[in-house]
Amino acid sequence: MTENDQSVMFNVPFNLFDHYILKGFYKGFNIYEEKIPKFSKNIDIKLNLFDLTIKVKDTLGFPPGVNLRPYLTSSEMFEKQELSPYYNKCGTYKFKNLPSAVYALHLSHGSFKQEVNFNIYSEGNSAEIVFPAEYFLSVELLGSRGVLLSDEGKNIKIYRDGKLVVESLSQREKVSLPPAEYKVYVESGGKGIGIDTVMLLNDKEIKIVTTEESIIPFLIMILTIIFIIQITVLFIIKRISLNSFLKLLAMTFIVISLVMPWWVLNASTNDGYASKNSEMFLIPQVMIEEVKYDDTAYLQLATIPEVFTDFLGLLLLIISVGFVLIGISFLPNIFYKKRFYKLLISMSILFLIMVSLAYYFGMSKITEISLGTIQGEGVLEVILPNEETVFMHSTWGLGLGFYFCILSAITALFAGISDFVRKKWLKNFKK
C-alpha cells in the first residue's frame, strides 16, 4: 500500500516463460491492471484525484443539527466502499482525493434518506444540498403543580442557536422542524413563565412545567379549614355527635392529603447560589422538580417509571374507596346493623395498612436507586440547567400528604371505636 507519491518495492522471482500482472486499487477502484514487461524495473502509476465539497443545510437554512452520516459510493468501484468526508462543523463536508467517477452521496437520519449523484472529472466540484428531514413538535403547558393550563394569555416561542424560528405557537399545535436542539420559551403577559430544551430526533410532544400556580389547591385548603372550624363549633354546641365529628374530620384530612405533596426533597448549596426542590403529588400523579439559581426558577417533570405512576393511580383509588366507606356510615339506619361498627373499624385499619405499607414500599423502591433510602439527608451532585455541576446539602422524606392520609385513617379508627363504646354503653345502660 502506498500514499501520495510513495513507492513500493516487490521482490519477485524472474520467470522467462510467464509474466506478471500488476493490479492497483485505491478507495475501492481498480486504478491499474497491466502486464509487467519482463525486463522492466520501474512502473509509474499516475492518478487524477479531485476534491468534492458539499454544503448541507436543513429546511430552516441551518447547518445540520444532527449527524447525517454522509458517505460516497460509486457503481464503478471494484470493491464497494463507503468514503467518509472531513467535516468543519458548519455544514460543510469535504471529500478529498477522489478518482474520476460518478459518485452517489448518501445522507440519512432516522427514516429520512437522501441520495444525490455527482460526476467528478475535474477540479472545483462543489454543491449545496437541503436535507428535507422534519419532525413534528407539540407543546403542552402545565402549572407548577403539574395540572394542565389553558392557552389564554400564553405564547410559546422556539429558538435555535439563539435565533427565533417559531414566533408564536399554541398549546398542542404541531409545528414541523428539522432534527436539532431547540429551546422552547413560554410567555404570559410578556413575562417568561417556562423554558425547556428539547433534542428533536423524532415526532415529539413535550410537557413544560411553568411557574404559574393553580388557585385550586389554595381554595381547597381555605375551604377545608373553614369546614373544620364549622364542624368543631357544631360538636362543641352538641349539634353533632363525637362519632360524626370524627368521621367528618377524617374525610376532611383525606381531601387535604390529596392536595399536599406525598414526598419531598429540599437541597441547597452552602452559599445559597442554587437550590433544588422536588415534590410528588397524587393528583396528578407526577413529581415536580424546581431548580433555582441566578434568581430564576426552572421547573420540570421528574422522570419516574410508568409502573410507579400506575401505582400512584392505584393508591389514589384506595384512598377514594376509604373516603367512600367513611361516607357510607352517614347513610340511613338500614346500614346500622349489629356488626356495622366492626366493619367500619376493620375497613379503617385496612385503609391505614394498605395506604401506608403500599406507598412506603413503592416509594422505597424508587428512592433506593438514587438516594438509598426513602428518608434521609446527604450531599447530592446536581446539574443545573446551564450544565454547571454543584453539590447541595439535601434532606428528603415523606410529605404532609402521606401523614394527613395516615391521620385520616387513625381518625376514622377512633370514630369506629367511639361508635363501639357508645353502643356498648347504651346496651349496659338498658340493662
Protein backbone atom coordinates (compact mmCIF):
# COMPACT_ATOMS: atom_id res chain seq x y z
CA MET A 1 0.00 0.00 0.00
CA THR A 2 1.23 3.48 -0.83
CA GLU A 3 0.12 7.01 -0.06
CA ASN A 4 0.56 10.13 -2.21
CA ASP A 5 3.90 9.94 -4.05
CA GLN A 6 5.27 6.99 -2.12
CA SER A 7 6.67 3.93 -3.85
CA VAL A 8 6.55 0.26 -3.02
CA MET A 9 9.05 -2.46 -3.88
CA PHE A 10 8.18 -6.05 -4.80
CA ASN A 11 10.77 -8.84 -4.84
CA VAL A 12 9.53 -11.48 -7.27
CA PRO A 13 11.38 -14.39 -8.93
CA PHE A 14 12.22 -13.91 -12.60
CA ASN A 15 10.19 -16.12 -14.92
CA LEU A 16 11.33 -16.26 -18.52
CA PHE A 17 8.28 -18.15 -19.81
CA ASP A 18 5.48 -16.41 -17.94
CA HIS A 19 4.57 -12.84 -17.00
CA TYR A 20 3.22 -10.95 -14.01
CA ILE A 21 0.16 -8.71 -13.88
CA LEU A 22 0.27 -5.65 -11.65
CA LYS A 23 -3.05 -4.56 -10.16
CA GLY A 24 -3.58 -1.32 -8.26
CA PHE A 25 -6.57 -0.44 -6.05
CA TYR A 26 -7.45 2.89 -4.49
CA LYS A 27 -10.58 3.67 -2.45
CA GLY A 28 -12.32 0.64 -3.90
CA PHE A 29 -11.43 1.44 -7.53
CA ASN A 30 -9.30 -0.74 -9.76
CA ILE A 31 -6.92 2.00 -10.93
CA TYR A 32 -4.34 -0.15 -12.70
CA GLU A 33 -4.18 -3.63 -14.25
CA GLU A 34 -1.40 -4.28 -16.75
CA LYS A 35 1.19 -6.89 -17.64
CA ILE A 36 4.65 -6.14 -16.31
CA PRO A 37 7.30 -6.11 -19.04
CA LYS A 38 9.84 -8.86 -18.32
CA PHE A 39 12.84 -6.58 -18.01
CA SER A 40 11.08 -3.55 -16.50
CA LYS A 41 12.22 -2.46 -13.05
CA ASN A 42 10.03 0.59 -12.51
CA ILE A 43 6.36 1.26 -13.20
CA ASP A 44 4.75 4.62 -12.60
CA ILE A 45 1.04 4.91 -11.89
CA LYS A 46 -0.42 8.39 -12.16
CA LEU A 47 -3.88 9.28 -10.90
CA ASN A 48 -6.02 12.33 -11.40
CA LEU A 49 -7.56 12.97 -8.00
CA PHE A 50 -10.16 15.60 -7.20
CA ASP A 51 -11.96 17.03 -4.18
CA LEU A 52 -15.70 17.34 -3.65
CA THR A 53 -17.12 19.95 -1.26
CA ILE A 54 -20.73 19.60 -0.10
CA LYS A 55 -22.54 22.24 1.93
CA VAL A 56 -25.64 20.84 3.61
CA LYS A 57 -28.45 22.88 5.13
CA ASP A 58 -31.73 21.86 6.69
CA THR A 59 -35.11 23.30 5.76
CA LEU A 60 -34.54 26.27 8.09
CA GLY A 61 -31.21 27.15 6.46
CA PHE A 62 -29.12 25.99 9.44
CA PRO A 63 -26.23 23.53 9.29
CA PRO A 64 -27.49 20.06 10.22
CA GLY A 65 -28.20 19.76 13.92
CA VAL A 66 -27.60 16.01 13.88
CA ASN A 67 -25.16 13.59 12.29
CA LEU A 68 -26.39 12.80 8.77
CA ARG A 69 -23.79 10.04 8.23
CA PRO A 70 -22.66 11.33 4.81
CA TYR A 71 -20.67 8.99 2.60
CA LEU A 72 -19.91 8.41 -1.08
CA THR A 73 -20.27 5.25 -3.12
CA SER A 74 -19.78 4.53 -6.80
CA SER A 75 -21.06 1.82 -9.11
CA GLU A 76 -17.64 1.94 -10.78
CA MET A 77 -15.87 0.62 -7.69
CA PHE A 78 -14.29 -2.82 -7.96
CA GLU A 79 -14.87 -3.37 -4.28
CA LYS A 80 -17.68 -1.31 -2.77
CA GLN A 81 -16.53 1.11 -0.08
CA GLU A 82 -18.16 3.96 1.79
CA LEU A 83 -15.95 7.04 1.54
CA SER A 84 -16.24 9.38 4.53
CA PRO A 85 -15.65 13.16 4.44
CA TYR A 86 -13.94 15.73 6.63
CA TYR A 87 -16.40 17.98 8.47
CA ASN A 88 -15.81 21.60 9.51
CA LYS A 89 -18.87 21.85 11.84
CA CYS A 90 -20.55 24.45 9.65
CA GLY A 91 -22.48 22.04 7.49
CA THR A 92 -19.62 21.66 5.01
CA TYR A 93 -18.32 18.21 4.15
CA LYS A 94 -15.16 17.72 2.09
CA PHE A 95 -14.25 14.51 0.29
CA LYS A 96 -10.57 14.57 -0.68
CA ASN A 97 -8.53 12.83 -3.38
CA LEU A 98 -11.32 11.16 -5.31
CA PRO A 99 -10.61 9.26 -8.55
CA SER A 100 -12.63 10.30 -11.61
CA ALA A 101 -16.02 8.57 -11.49
CA VAL A 102 -19.73 9.00 -10.98
CA TYR A 103 -20.48 9.10 -7.27
CA ALA A 104 -23.62 8.87 -5.16
CA LEU A 105 -23.75 10.97 -1.99
CA HIS A 106 -25.81 9.37 0.77
CA LEU A 107 -27.36 11.33 3.67
CA SER A 108 -29.67 9.84 6.28
CA HIS A 109 -31.31 10.40 9.64
CA GLY A 110 -33.90 8.05 11.04
CA SER A 111 -36.28 7.08 8.27
CA PHE A 112 -35.19 10.02 6.07
CA LYS A 113 -32.72 9.14 3.33
CA GLN A 114 -31.35 11.28 0.51
CA GLU A 115 -29.14 10.34 -2.44
CA VAL A 116 -27.52 12.80 -4.88
CA ASN A 117 -25.29 11.88 -7.85
CA PHE A 118 -22.10 13.72 -8.85
CA ASN A 119 -19.81 13.43 -11.87
CA ILE A 120 -16.24 14.00 -10.70
CA TYR A 121 -13.99 14.58 -13.67
CA SER A 122 -12.32 17.92 -12.97
CA GLU A 123 -11.44 20.44 -10.26
CA GLY A 124 -13.87 22.75 -8.48
CA ASN A 125 -16.53 20.23 -7.56
CA SER A 126 -18.98 21.66 -5.02
CA ALA A 127 -22.70 21.73 -4.32
CA GLU A 128 -25.29 22.89 -1.82
CA ILE A 129 -27.92 20.44 -0.62
CA VAL A 130 -31.03 20.89 1.50
CA PHE A 131 -31.72 17.87 3.68
CA PRO A 132 -35.54 17.60 3.89
CA ALA A 133 -35.95 15.76 7.22
CA GLU A 134 -38.54 17.29 9.56
CA TYR A 135 -40.37 16.10 12.65
CA PHE A 136 -43.48 17.30 14.44
CA LEU A 137 -43.17 19.06 17.78
CA SER A 138 -46.08 20.00 20.03
CA VAL A 139 -46.08 21.56 23.50
CA GLU A 140 -48.37 21.01 26.46
CA LEU A 141 -48.31 23.52 29.33
CA LEU A 142 -48.57 22.53 32.97
CA GLY A 143 -48.85 24.62 36.10
CA SER A 144 -46.36 24.46 38.94
CA ARG A 145 -48.33 21.53 40.40
CA GLY A 146 -48.41 19.58 37.13
CA VAL A 147 -52.02 20.49 36.29
CA LEU A 148 -52.87 21.27 32.66
CA LEU A 149 -53.08 25.01 31.88
CA SER A 150 -55.32 26.85 29.44
CA ASP A 151 -53.97 28.73 26.40
CA GLU A 152 -55.39 32.06 27.45
CA GLY A 153 -52.78 34.82 27.52
CA LYS A 154 -49.87 32.48 26.80
CA ASN A 155 -47.45 32.35 23.89
CA ILE A 156 -44.86 29.74 23.00
CA LYS A 157 -41.65 30.67 21.17
CA ILE A 158 -38.99 28.33 19.82
CA TYR A 159 -35.32 29.25 19.37
CA ARG A 160 -32.38 27.51 17.76
CA ASP A 161 -28.78 28.62 18.21
CA GLY A 162 -30.10 31.85 19.70
CA LYS A 163 -32.31 32.64 16.70
CA LEU A 164 -36.10 32.75 16.75
CA VAL A 165 -37.53 30.07 14.45
CA VAL A 166 -41.15 29.91 15.67
CA GLU A 167 -42.58 33.23 16.82
CA SER A 168 -45.94 32.04 18.07
CA LEU A 169 -47.24 28.57 18.83
CA SER A 170 -50.43 27.49 20.54
CA GLN A 171 -50.63 24.70 23.06
CA ARG A 172 -50.82 21.24 21.42
CA GLU A 173 -50.38 22.82 17.97
CA LYS A 174 -47.97 20.80 15.84
CA VAL A 175 -45.02 22.50 14.16
CA SER A 176 -42.67 20.77 11.71
CA LEU A 177 -38.96 21.34 12.39
CA PRO A 178 -35.65 19.81 11.23
CA PRO A 179 -33.89 17.50 13.70
CA ALA A 180 -31.76 19.57 16.10
CA GLU A 181 -31.69 21.01 19.61
CA TYR A 182 -34.25 23.72 20.36
CA LYS A 183 -35.10 25.94 23.30
CA VAL A 184 -38.80 26.43 23.99
CA TYR A 185 -39.88 29.55 25.89
CA VAL A 186 -43.33 30.17 27.36
CA GLU A 187 -44.54 33.72 27.98
CA SER A 188 -47.59 35.10 29.75
CA GLY A 189 -48.28 38.82 29.79
CA GLY A 190 -44.83 39.48 28.32
CA LYS A 191 -43.14 37.61 31.18
CA GLY A 192 -41.34 34.30 30.88
CA ILE A 193 -43.01 31.54 32.88
CA GLY A 194 -41.37 28.42 31.46
CA ILE A 195 -38.42 27.10 29.48
CA ASP A 196 -37.28 23.72 28.22
CA THR A 197 -34.62 22.31 25.93
CA VAL A 198 -35.61 19.58 23.52
CA MET A 199 -33.49 17.43 21.21
CA LEU A 200 -35.85 16.76 18.32
CA LEU A 201 -34.92 13.37 16.88
CA ASN A 202 -38.45 12.16 16.11
CA ASP A 203 -42.05 13.31 16.40
CA LYS A 204 -42.35 14.54 19.97
CA GLU A 205 -44.85 16.03 22.38
CA ILE A 206 -43.23 17.74 25.35
CA LYS A 207 -44.71 18.96 28.62
CA ILE A 208 -43.37 22.21 30.05
CA VAL A 209 -43.93 22.94 33.72
CA THR A 210 -44.43 26.67 34.18
CA THR A 211 -44.18 28.87 37.26
CA GLU A 212 -47.90 29.67 37.03
CA GLU A 213 -49.62 28.46 40.17
CA SER A 214 -53.11 26.98 40.32
CA ILE A 215 -55.55 28.60 42.71
CA ILE A 216 -57.47 25.34 43.22
CA PRO A 217 -55.18 23.81 45.92
CA PHE A 218 -55.24 27.13 47.81
CA LEU A 219 -59.04 27.29 47.66
CA ILE A 220 -59.33 23.68 48.83
CA MET A 221 -57.11 24.41 51.83
CA ILE A 222 -59.16 27.50 52.75
CA LEU A 223 -62.46 25.63 52.39
CA THR A 224 -61.25 22.67 54.46
CA ILE A 225 -60.05 24.97 57.25
CA ILE A 226 -63.44 26.70 57.27
CA PHE A 227 -65.17 23.31 57.28
CA ILE A 228 -63.08 22.07 60.23
CA ILE A 229 -63.96 25.20 62.18
CA GLN A 230 -67.65 24.71 61.40
CA ILE A 231 -67.83 21.05 62.46
CA THR A 232 -65.81 21.84 65.59
CA VAL A 233 -68.34 24.50 66.57
CA LEU A 234 -71.21 22.10 65.84
CA PHE A 235 -69.59 19.46 68.01
CA ILE A 236 -68.99 21.89 70.87
CA ILE A 237 -72.62 23.01 70.88
CA LYS A 238 -73.63 19.33 70.62
CA ARG A 239 -75.36 19.58 67.25
CA ILE A 240 -73.36 16.55 66.01
CA SER A 241 -72.05 13.51 67.87
CA LEU A 242 -68.42 12.68 68.52
CA ASN A 243 -68.69 9.83 66.03
CA SER A 244 -69.98 12.12 63.26
CA PHE A 245 -67.40 14.77 64.11
CA LEU A 246 -64.51 12.29 63.83
CA LYS A 247 -65.78 10.83 60.55
CA LEU A 248 -66.20 14.29 59.01
CA LEU A 249 -62.74 15.20 60.24
CA ALA A 250 -61.30 12.02 58.70
CA MET A 251 -62.89 12.82 55.34
CA THR A 252 -61.51 16.36 55.53
CA PHE A 253 -58.00 15.03 56.20
CA ILE A 254 -58.30 12.83 53.10
CA VAL A 255 -59.15 15.85 50.94
CA ILE A 256 -56.18 17.77 52.39
CA SER A 257 -53.86 14.83 51.70
CA LEU A 258 -54.76 14.91 48.01
CA VAL A 259 -53.52 18.49 47.55
CA MET A 260 -50.37 18.13 49.67
CA PRO A 261 -47.08 16.55 48.49
CA TRP A 262 -46.52 12.90 49.47
CA TRP A 263 -42.75 13.01 49.19
CA VAL A 264 -40.38 15.98 49.23
CA LEU A 265 -36.70 16.76 48.70
CA ASN A 266 -35.07 20.07 49.65
CA ALA A 267 -31.49 20.89 48.71
CA SER A 268 -29.28 23.97 48.50
CA THR A 269 -25.64 24.96 48.13
CA ASN A 270 -23.78 26.28 51.15
CA ASP A 271 -23.56 29.78 49.68
CA GLY A 272 -27.22 29.85 48.63
CA TYR A 273 -26.26 30.18 44.96
CA ALA A 274 -28.61 27.40 43.88
CA SER A 275 -31.36 25.24 45.34
CA LYS A 276 -33.48 22.29 44.31
CA ASN A 277 -36.92 21.20 45.50
CA SER A 278 -38.85 18.11 44.45
CA GLU A 279 -42.45 17.27 45.35
CA MET A 280 -44.55 14.24 44.47
CA PHE A 281 -48.33 14.53 44.20
CA LEU A 282 -51.19 12.08 43.82
CA ILE A 283 -53.36 14.48 41.79
CA PRO A 284 -51.98 14.43 39.19
CA GLN A 285 -49.54 11.53 39.59
CA VAL A 286 -46.34 13.49 38.96
CA MET A 287 -43.15 14.64 40.63
CA ILE A 288 -42.23 18.29 40.05
CA GLU A 289 -38.58 19.37 40.26
CA GLU A 290 -37.72 23.04 40.74
CA VAL A 291 -34.16 24.32 40.41
CA LYS A 292 -33.35 27.92 41.28
CA TYR A 293 -30.18 29.81 40.50
CA ASP A 294 -29.40 33.37 39.47
CA ASP A 295 -32.83 34.35 40.83
CA THR A 296 -34.52 32.25 38.13
CA ALA A 297 -36.71 29.18 38.68
CA TYR A 298 -36.62 26.22 36.30
CA LEU A 299 -39.36 23.61 36.66
CA GLN A 300 -39.68 20.22 35.03
CA LEU A 301 -41.37 16.87 35.38
CA ALA A 302 -39.13 14.32 37.04
CA THR A 303 -38.67 11.07 35.18
CA ILE A 304 -40.33 8.25 37.10
CA PRO A 305 -41.13 4.73 35.85
CA GLU A 306 -44.54 4.34 34.25
CA VAL A 307 -45.26 1.39 36.51
CA PHE A 308 -44.85 3.66 39.54
CA THR A 309 -47.19 6.23 38.01
CA ASP A 310 -49.76 3.45 37.63
CA PHE A 311 -49.09 2.50 41.25
CA LEU A 312 -49.88 6.06 42.37
CA GLY A 313 -53.15 5.85 40.45
CA LEU A 314 -53.98 2.64 42.31
CA LEU A 315 -53.10 4.31 45.59
CA LEU A 316 -55.47 7.16 44.75
CA LEU A 317 -58.19 4.58 44.13
CA ILE A 318 -57.56 3.02 47.55
CA ILE A 319 -57.85 6.42 49.21
CA SER A 320 -61.07 7.12 47.31
CA VAL A 321 -62.53 3.81 48.48
CA GLY A 322 -61.64 4.73 52.05
CA PHE A 323 -63.33 8.10 51.60
CA VAL A 324 -66.49 6.42 50.29
CA LEU A 325 -66.52 3.86 53.11
CA ILE A 326 -66.44 6.60 55.70
CA GLY A 327 -69.21 8.42 53.85
CA ILE A 328 -71.39 5.28 53.81
CA SER A 329 -71.59 5.41 57.58
CA PHE A 330 -73.71 8.57 57.29
CA LEU A 331 -76.45 6.78 55.32
CA PRO A 332 -79.79 5.87 56.97
CA ASN A 333 -80.08 3.35 59.76
CA ILE A 334 -80.60 0.50 57.33
CA PHE A 335 -76.83 0.18 57.32
CA TYR A 336 -76.54 0.28 61.08
CA LYS A 337 -76.71 -3.41 61.66
CA LYS A 338 -75.26 -5.17 64.64
CA ARG A 339 -71.82 -5.62 63.19
CA PHE A 340 -71.52 -2.39 61.25
CA TYR A 341 -69.17 -0.76 63.72
CA LYS A 342 -66.88 -3.80 63.41
CA LEU A 343 -66.87 -3.36 59.64
CA LEU A 344 -66.02 0.33 59.96
CA ILE A 345 -63.15 -0.38 62.36
CA SER A 346 -61.86 -3.22 60.19
CA MET A 347 -62.01 -1.17 56.99
CA SER A 348 -60.32 1.79 58.70
CA ILE A 349 -57.46 -0.45 59.87
CA LEU A 350 -57.22 -2.00 56.39
CA PHE A 351 -57.24 1.50 54.89
CA LEU A 352 -54.35 2.52 57.15
CA ILE A 353 -52.29 -0.59 56.44
CA MET A 354 -52.83 -0.59 52.66
CA VAL A 355 -52.03 3.09 52.16
CA SER A 356 -49.03 3.28 54.46
CA LEU A 357 -47.38 -0.01 53.52
CA ALA A 358 -48.10 0.21 49.79
CA TYR A 359 -46.83 3.74 49.39
CA TYR A 360 -43.86 3.25 51.71
CA PHE A 361 -42.81 0.09 49.88
CA GLY A 362 -43.26 1.57 46.39
CA MET A 363 -41.51 4.83 47.16
CA SER A 364 -38.66 2.98 48.88
CA LYS A 365 -38.02 1.06 45.66
CA ILE A 366 -37.82 4.30 43.70
CA THR A 367 -35.59 6.21 46.12
CA GLU A 368 -33.16 3.39 46.86
CA ILE A 369 -31.88 3.59 43.29
CA SER A 370 -30.73 7.21 43.51
CA LEU A 371 -30.86 8.21 47.20
CA GLY A 372 -30.58 4.91 49.03
CA THR A 373 -33.45 5.48 51.46
CA ILE A 374 -36.94 6.94 51.43
CA GLN A 375 -35.96 9.38 54.18
CA GLY A 376 -32.55 10.83 54.93
CA GLU A 377 -30.05 13.55 54.24
CA GLY A 378 -26.73 13.94 52.47
CA VAL A 379 -24.79 15.78 49.79
CA LEU A 380 -26.14 15.43 46.25
CA GLU A 381 -24.49 16.25 42.95
CA VAL A 382 -26.89 18.39 40.92
CA ILE A 383 -26.54 19.51 37.29
CA LEU A 384 -28.01 22.97 36.76
CA PRO A 385 -29.83 23.93 33.53
CA ASN A 386 -26.63 25.71 32.36
CA GLU A 387 -24.86 22.31 32.68
CA GLU A 388 -22.87 23.51 35.69
CA THR A 389 -22.39 20.84 38.37
CA VAL A 390 -22.85 21.84 42.02
CA PHE A 391 -23.03 19.99 45.31
CA MET A 392 -26.02 20.57 47.58
CA HIS A 393 -26.79 19.55 51.14
CA SER A 394 -30.13 17.76 50.91
CA THR A 395 -32.88 16.35 53.07
CA TRP A 396 -35.71 14.18 51.81
CA GLY A 397 -38.62 12.17 53.16
CA LEU A 398 -42.35 11.57 53.28
CA GLY A 399 -44.51 14.65 52.80
CA LEU A 400 -47.53 16.08 54.57
CA GLY A 401 -49.94 14.42 52.14
CA PHE A 402 -48.83 10.98 53.35
CA TYR A 403 -49.14 11.93 57.02
CA PHE A 404 -52.57 13.51 56.55
CA CYS A 405 -53.73 10.29 54.91
CA ILE A 406 -52.47 8.29 57.88
CA LEU A 407 -54.10 10.80 60.23
CA SER A 408 -57.43 10.41 58.44
CA ALA A 409 -57.26 6.63 58.83
CA ILE A 410 -56.46 6.94 62.55
CA THR A 411 -59.31 9.42 62.97
CA ALA A 412 -61.71 7.03 61.21
CA LEU A 413 -60.45 4.28 63.51
CA PHE A 414 -61.27 6.38 66.57
CA ALA A 415 -64.69 7.09 65.05
CA GLY A 416 -65.33 3.36 64.86
CA ILE A 417 -64.08 2.85 68.41
CA SER A 418 -66.31 5.68 69.67
CA ASP A 419 -69.25 4.05 67.93
CA PHE A 420 -68.39 0.74 69.59
CA VAL A 421 -68.06 2.35 73.03
CA ARG A 422 -71.32 4.26 72.60
CA LYS A 423 -73.28 1.17 71.63
CA LYS A 424 -71.79 -0.88 74.43
CA TRP A 425 -72.58 1.85 76.94
CA LEU A 426 -76.17 2.09 75.72
CA LYS A 427 -76.53 -1.67 75.93
CA ASN A 428 -75.26 -1.74 79.51
CA PHE A 429 -77.42 1.26 80.41
CA LYS A 430 -80.58 -0.50 79.18
CA LYS A 431 -79.76 -3.46 81.36
